Amino acid sequence: MTLLPAGLGSEKPDVILALGETGEEAAAAPATQARPPEAKRPPAKQTPAPALTLEQIHGRLTSFLRELHDKYAALDPGPKPTDVWEMYKDSADRWLLPLDRDYVGVGLFPVREDDSIFVSIASYRDENCPNTIKDMYAKADKPERVFVGLVQQNCVANCRSGVLEGGRVEDIEPDIDCYETFCESEQGRGRCGQDGQVRHLFVNESESLGPAVARYFASKLWHGENYFMQIDSHSLFTSGWDTFPVTDMKNTPSYPRSALTHYPPDKNRPNYDQPAHRICGAKFADSDIESQIVRLTVSDRFEVDFRTVPCRAPFIGAGYVFAHASFLALMPFDPYVPWVFMGEEILFSLRLHTWGYDIYSPTHNTASHFYVRQHKPKFWETVGRLFKKPGIHNAIQGYIINRVKYFIGYPESSKEQVDATLLVHSHLYGEGPIRPLAEYMAMAGLDPVSKEAVKVDWCYKCEAPRPMIPYELPPQVIQ
């Protein structure tokens, strides 16, 4: 299914979407235990928000991109990160926020309990993308139940390569159109077009906003499928890849509040006949350019034999996630982290835990990954060309990453230390009300004060999670 913008770029939002509120809402929702004020949800709306169609949602996403593009095109070269952020936030408040705020707790669509799978794919100038989708349908046991939300970020004219040998950058041909190439293939015939299985949002390279926002866009192409799966656009699959995770999910003790995740093996050693890898390690980045953000590290196979019940894990790997789609209504993806690269995984992890979801590693390797894409274009190079200042991405990300660090609990990114506008709508996109953040950080062995990470023994041994470092609940969460 391709959803066309139909000229919505300059139109105002439909009045049914109630765009009156754009600031931080009051937090007063009841919870199972007392929570800090910023972690609570606003009261449920008395009047349910009107039902939307995928076409209306697609129109909002497109209108947001067009409005933001026009704003940025008018900027002088090398703008201040604060100006870039304010323009982004204002447009996100107008076009994106209502899709989450007005549907919190109920979701944009009801979840179908039919074992259908929605696959979120965010592609940035990736020639492997068509083969990823072809292989996915060719290897599925039940391809008729697999639906795709493809966000394709491509260059269509005046294209530049990635950084080549010697630092060269060259003019190149426009990027391969992933959607058209797949739809014209044997696997794609009959799966595209109106009401097809593959939904598509096109984003011009110059409008790319980084992987976290691209994944946000892809999540909005979901249409009630039972399961939500997230993969990278340079992946391959084993036969029956769609059957294994459904079985795993239903074998988890916390189902349906469960999520499967890991870093898939490299395509050259896919290890489909071996137990799956598991992510057990993390560290605080030590380079200034990464703002000491939490980075995931150890991913390996720790079992000799296949297990029936998946092992618990502390971290989400963004390149492979499989979860019951109910989480989308409770904790929608955060659209207020443009151009953030490192940081999306730890934020996803802590949000799932604090919303009462348990993280597991799959029992089988069902996908593999292209990990080395040397000399290929990178999204941060686009940012430099957009704002006519090479390297400006580092300054913009260094400013916005404080939002993620605030949610994690870094003292240098506390409410008193950072721009208040970076913390907007934290009740929607921050920690949940079910479990305390401090519990998660202790379980994951992370201390954002000392910037120390300890070995998470329980993960390596497939044991029940336990605190790896001491923690104390803040006074306001103790009854």
Foldseek 3Di string as FASTA:
>chain_A
DEADLVPLQPPAQDVLLPLPDLFFDFFDDDFPFFDPRLQHDDDQDPDARDADDLNSLLNLVNNLLSQLLVVLLPDAFPDALVVNLVSNSVSCSRRPVSQQNRQAPNHNAAADPPLAEEEEEEEELDQLQLVAVLQVLVQAPCSVRYAYQYEYAWAQPQDWWFQDPPRDIDGDHTGDDNVVVNCPDPSNPQQDDPPHRYYYRYHYLLSAFDDLLSSLSSLSSDHNYFKYKYAYSFKHFHHNLSPQVVQQCVQEPQPQLEKAAAAQAAPVCRPQVFWAKAFFAWAQDDDVLLVRAIDTDDIDDQDGDFDNHFFFHQWHDRRIMMHGVSVCSHARRDNSQTLADPQSTVQVRQQSVLQPHTYTHGGGRTMHGHPDDPRGHDSLQSVCVSSVHRPVSSSSNSQLCLCSVCLLPQPCSDCVNHDVSSPTPCNRHHHHNRDDSQQSCQQSQADNHVRDRDGNVCRSVSHDTDGNDDDDDDPSRDD
